[in-house]
Amino acid sequence: MFERKDYLLTMITQMAEAIATRISKLRKEKKHAEALAELGELYGRMQLPPSKLLGSVPEEDALRMMMTGASLSGEKLLAAGKLLREEADIYEEMSGEREAYQRRVNALYFYLTAEELGAKSDDVSLHAEIAYLNHRLKAYRQPAAVLYKLMEYCCAAGSYDEAENLLYELKGRDFSGDGELPERGLAFYRRLLACSDEKLQAGKLPRDEVEAGLREWQAAWPRLSAGGTGTAAPSGAESAG
C-alpha cells in the first residue's frame, strides 16, 4: 500500500509532540511503565512492528521487519528510530541495560539507513541523533554492520580520519577469515586517493597518510596486491563524497 510522505511526516510531528509533552511528563514523574505504554501506542499509530520485536532483535533483522516488500521508507525509519531511542533512555532509567543497548543499536542503524535514503524531518534532527547514539554506544562493542554504516556516514560527511578509525576498530577484531573487510578497506583507501589534497586535509587525513594507510592495509592482506593496486592518483580527482 502506498504511503504518502507528507502523511508520514505529519505523523512524525504528532509523535514528537507526544514525546515532548505526555511522555516527558511521565518520565519526570518516574512513571516508566506508563511512559512505555504510551510509546507502545505510538508504534501502533505509526503502523510499525511492536517494540517487543523491533527493540529486541539484532539490527539487520529489525531492518528487515521495516521493509514493505523490497522497499524501505526513510520516514518510517526516522519514526522507529525516535521511538527506540526514547525507549532506550527509559529502560536505562529502569536499570534495563540490555534493553537500552539493543534499542540504541537498532535506532542508530535505522537513522544511518534513513540518512542513506535521504530522509528528512523537521522533528528529527538526524545528525544530532546519530551523534548522540554513537556517543552513548562508545563504551560497547557495536555490531560490524553498524560500524560499516558509520564508516560510510563519516566518509559522506568528509570526516575521513573518523572513518579510518572505524575501519581499524573493525580490523582489531578477529576478522582473519573475513572475506568482506579486506576489500572494504581497500575500496576506502582508493576512494580517498581520488579526492583532492584540499579535501583530504579538511578531512584530517592528508594524502601521505592515505598512501601509507593503503600500503599497510595491503601488507596485512597480501592477496589485495595481486591485482596490481597502486597508490598514486591525480590530486585533483574527485570521486569520494
Protein backbone atom coordinates (compact mmCIF):
# COMPACT_ATOMS: atom_id res chain seq x y z
CA MET A 1 0.00 0.00 0.00
CA PHE A 2 1.38 3.40 -1.00
CA GLU A 3 2.02 5.79 1.89
CA ARG A 4 2.38 9.49 1.15
CA LYS A 5 5.48 11.10 2.56
CA ASP A 6 3.57 14.16 3.77
CA TYR A 7 1.23 11.93 5.79
CA LEU A 8 4.17 10.17 7.46
CA LEU A 9 5.84 13.50 8.24
CA THR A 10 2.61 14.72 9.85
CA MET A 11 2.52 11.57 11.96
CA ILE A 12 6.16 12.11 12.96
CA THR A 13 5.28 15.63 14.10
CA GLN A 14 2.44 14.30 16.25
CA MET A 15 4.72 11.59 17.63
CA ALA A 16 7.44 14.12 18.51
CA GLU A 17 4.89 16.35 20.24
CA ALA A 18 3.64 13.40 22.31
CA ILE A 19 7.21 12.52 23.33
CA ALA A 20 7.96 16.12 24.28
CA THR A 21 4.80 16.53 26.36
CA ARG A 22 2.99 13.49 27.76
CA ILE A 23 5.88 11.04 27.72
CA SER A 24 8.37 13.59 29.02
CA LYS A 25 5.99 14.36 31.91
CA LEU A 26 5.64 10.68 32.78
CA ARG A 27 9.43 10.25 32.77
CA LYS A 28 9.89 13.18 35.13
CA GLU A 29 7.32 11.62 37.44
CA LYS A 30 9.23 8.29 37.25
CA LYS A 31 6.17 6.60 35.77
CA HIS A 32 8.26 4.47 33.46
CA ALA A 33 5.69 1.74 32.80
CA GLU A 34 3.12 4.33 31.78
CA ALA A 35 5.66 6.07 29.53
CA LEU A 36 6.49 2.79 27.79
CA ALA A 37 2.78 2.08 27.33
CA GLU A 38 2.33 5.50 25.68
CA LEU A 39 5.24 4.77 23.37
CA GLY A 40 3.72 1.39 22.55
CA GLU A 41 0.57 3.15 21.35
CA LEU A 42 2.68 5.38 19.11
CA TYR A 43 4.22 2.30 17.45
CA GLY A 44 0.71 1.17 16.57
CA ARG A 45 -0.35 4.60 15.35
CA MET A 46 2.71 4.74 13.07
CA GLN A 47 1.92 1.20 11.81
CA LEU A 48 5.31 -0.05 12.99
CA PRO A 49 6.20 -3.50 14.30
CA PRO A 50 5.74 -3.62 18.09
CA SER A 51 8.61 -2.56 20.31
CA LYS A 52 8.81 -6.04 21.83
CA LEU A 53 10.03 -7.26 18.44
CA LEU A 54 11.71 -4.20 16.93
CA GLY A 55 13.74 -3.44 20.04
CA SER A 56 14.89 -6.94 20.92
CA VAL A 57 16.25 -8.46 17.69
CA PRO A 58 19.63 -7.69 16.03
CA GLU A 59 19.77 -4.56 13.88
CA GLU A 60 19.67 -6.29 10.47
CA ASP A 61 16.67 -8.40 11.47
CA ALA A 62 14.95 -5.27 12.79
CA LEU A 63 15.58 -3.50 9.48
CA ARG A 64 14.01 -6.39 7.57
CA MET A 65 10.91 -6.01 9.73
CA MET A 66 10.64 -2.43 8.48
CA MET A 67 10.51 -3.43 4.82
CA THR A 68 7.37 -3.26 2.74
CA GLY A 69 8.04 -5.80 0.03
CA ALA A 70 11.51 -4.92 -1.20
CA SER A 71 11.36 -1.25 -0.22
CA LEU A 72 12.13 0.83 2.86
CA SER A 73 10.55 4.11 3.91
CA GLY A 74 13.15 6.54 5.24
CA GLU A 75 10.43 8.43 7.09
CA LYS A 76 9.25 5.28 8.87
CA LEU A 77 12.84 4.58 9.84
CA LEU A 78 13.06 8.07 11.36
CA ALA A 79 9.91 7.42 13.37
CA ALA A 80 11.05 3.99 14.56
CA GLY A 81 14.49 5.34 15.42
CA LYS A 82 12.98 8.12 17.52
CA LEU A 83 10.74 5.72 19.43
CA LEU A 84 13.54 3.20 20.02
CA ARG A 85 15.90 5.94 21.21
CA GLU A 86 13.28 7.26 23.64
CA GLU A 87 12.56 3.77 24.95
CA ALA A 88 16.27 3.12 25.44
CA ASP A 89 16.56 6.15 27.71
CA ILE A 90 13.58 4.96 29.75
CA TYR A 91 14.93 1.43 30.09
CA GLU A 92 18.26 2.86 31.21
CA GLU A 93 16.45 4.78 33.96
CA MET A 94 14.89 1.45 34.96
CA SER A 95 18.33 -0.25 35.03
CA GLY A 96 17.48 -2.23 31.93
CA GLU A 97 20.92 -2.02 30.32
CA ARG A 98 20.41 -4.87 27.87
CA GLU A 99 17.09 -3.47 26.62
CA ALA A 100 18.57 0.01 26.33
CA TYR A 101 21.63 -1.23 24.42
CA GLN A 102 19.75 -3.14 21.70
CA ARG A 103 17.28 -0.31 21.18
CA ARG A 104 20.11 2.21 20.78
CA VAL A 105 21.92 -0.04 18.32
CA ASN A 106 18.76 -0.53 16.26
CA ALA A 107 17.88 3.17 16.41
CA LEU A 108 21.36 4.12 15.20
CA TYR A 109 21.17 1.56 12.39
CA PHE A 110 17.76 2.91 11.36
CA TYR A 111 18.98 6.52 11.41
CA LEU A 112 22.06 5.71 9.32
CA THR A 113 19.90 3.88 6.80
CA ALA A 114 17.42 6.79 6.73
CA GLU A 115 20.34 9.14 6.03
CA GLU A 116 21.39 6.93 3.11
CA LEU A 117 17.84 7.13 1.77
CA GLY A 118 17.83 10.92 2.05
CA ALA A 119 15.02 11.04 4.63
CA LYS A 120 14.41 14.37 6.36
CA SER A 121 12.06 15.66 9.02
CA ASP A 122 11.84 18.96 10.88
CA ASP A 123 11.02 16.97 14.00
CA VAL A 124 14.00 14.61 13.98
CA SER A 125 17.48 16.16 13.97
CA LEU A 126 19.11 13.26 12.17
CA HIS A 127 22.76 14.25 12.56
CA ALA A 128 22.30 15.15 16.23
CA GLU A 129 20.52 11.85 16.88
CA ILE A 130 23.30 9.87 15.17
CA ALA A 131 25.96 11.73 17.18
CA TYR A 132 24.06 11.14 20.45
CA LEU A 133 23.54 7.43 19.90
CA ASN A 134 27.10 6.86 18.69
CA HIS A 135 28.38 8.60 21.82
CA ARG A 136 26.15 6.52 24.11
CA LEU A 137 27.34 3.31 22.45
CA LYS A 138 31.07 4.12 22.56
CA ALA A 139 31.55 2.03 25.69
CA TYR A 140 30.08 -1.03 23.96
CA ARG A 141 31.18 -3.31 21.14
CA GLN A 142 28.98 -2.18 18.29
CA PRO A 143 27.99 -4.70 15.59
CA ALA A 144 30.08 -4.74 12.43
CA ALA A 145 27.04 -3.83 10.30
CA VAL A 146 26.62 -0.62 12.30
CA LEU A 147 30.32 0.26 12.07
CA TYR A 148 30.29 -0.22 8.30
CA LYS A 149 27.36 2.18 8.00
CA LEU A 150 29.08 4.66 10.33
CA MET A 151 32.15 4.49 8.08
CA GLU A 152 30.07 5.43 5.05
CA TYR A 153 28.35 8.17 7.03
CA CYS A 154 31.70 9.66 8.10
CA CYS A 155 33.04 9.47 4.54
CA ALA A 156 29.98 11.25 3.18
CA ALA A 157 30.45 13.94 5.84
CA GLY A 158 34.14 14.34 4.94
CA SER A 159 35.34 13.05 8.32
CA TYR A 160 37.95 10.73 6.84
CA ASP A 161 40.03 10.35 9.99
CA GLU A 162 36.96 9.13 11.90
CA ALA A 163 36.12 6.72 9.08
CA GLU A 164 39.65 5.29 9.21
CA ASN A 165 39.38 4.86 12.99
CA LEU A 166 36.22 2.82 12.46
CA LEU A 167 37.97 0.72 9.82
CA TYR A 168 40.74 -0.13 12.27
CA GLU A 169 38.25 -0.82 15.01
CA LEU A 170 36.85 -3.49 12.70
CA LYS A 171 40.32 -4.76 11.85
CA GLY A 172 41.14 -5.06 15.55
CA ARG A 173 38.53 -7.75 15.93
CA ASP A 174 39.06 -11.35 14.92
CA PHE A 175 38.44 -10.88 11.22
CA SER A 176 41.29 -13.04 9.94
CA GLY A 177 38.88 -15.09 7.86
CA ASP A 178 36.57 -12.23 6.87
CA GLY A 179 36.23 -12.02 3.10
CA GLU A 180 34.47 -8.63 3.22
CA LEU A 181 36.66 -6.41 5.40
CA PRO A 182 39.87 -6.51 3.30
CA GLU A 183 38.07 -5.39 0.14
CA ARG A 184 36.11 -2.74 2.02
CA GLY A 185 39.32 -1.30 3.42
CA LEU A 186 40.97 -1.33 0.01
CA ALA A 187 37.96 0.44 -1.53
CA PHE A 188 38.07 3.00 1.28
CA TYR A 189 41.68 4.00 0.61
CA ARG A 190 41.21 4.01 -3.17
CA ARG A 191 38.18 6.23 -2.71
CA LEU A 192 40.21 8.72 -0.68
CA LEU A 193 43.06 8.74 -3.18
CA ALA A 194 40.62 10.07 -5.76
CA CYS A 195 39.95 13.14 -3.58
CA SER A 196 41.77 16.44 -3.89
CA ASP A 197 44.56 17.29 -1.46
CA GLU A 198 42.39 20.09 -0.07
CA LYS A 199 39.52 17.71 0.66
CA LEU A 200 41.81 15.21 2.38
CA GLN A 201 43.34 17.94 4.51
CA ALA A 202 39.88 19.11 5.54
CA GLY A 203 39.03 15.52 6.44
CA LYS A 204 42.15 15.35 8.67
CA LEU A 205 43.72 12.56 6.61
CA PRO A 206 46.32 14.06 4.25
CA ARG A 207 47.42 12.22 1.12
CA ASP A 208 50.68 10.87 2.54
CA GLU A 209 48.74 9.25 5.41
CA VAL A 210 46.23 7.77 2.97
CA GLU A 211 49.03 6.31 0.85
CA ALA A 212 50.75 4.93 3.96
CA GLY A 213 47.43 3.50 5.14
CA LEU A 214 46.89 1.77 1.82
CA ARG A 215 50.36 0.20 1.90
CA GLU A 216 49.80 -1.02 5.45
CA TRP A 217 46.38 -2.41 4.53
CA GLN A 218 47.73 -4.28 1.52
CA ALA A 219 50.59 -5.67 3.63
CA ALA A 220 48.04 -7.08 6.09
CA TRP A 221 46.31 -8.95 3.24
CA PRO A 222 48.89 -9.74 0.51
CA ARG A 223 46.20 -11.06 -1.82
CA LEU A 224 44.98 -7.47 -2.21
CA SER A 225 48.21 -6.56 -4.01
CA ALA A 226 47.89 -9.38 -6.51
CA GLY A 227 45.54 -7.31 -8.63
CA GLY A 228 48.12 -4.57 -9.11
CA THR A 229 46.67 -1.84 -6.88
CA GLY A 230 48.57 1.38 -6.87
CA THR A 231 48.86 4.32 -4.51
CA ALA A 232 49.06 7.12 -6.98
CA ALA A 233 46.05 9.15 -8.07
CA PRO A 234 45.66 12.61 -9.56
CA SER A 235 45.41 15.11 -6.71
CA GLY A 236 42.56 16.93 -8.41
CA ALA A 237 40.38 13.88 -8.98
CA GLU A 238 37.10 13.76 -7.12
CA SER A 239 35.01 10.65 -6.54
CA ALA A 240 34.58 10.42 -2.75
CA GLY A 241 31.69 12.11 -1.10
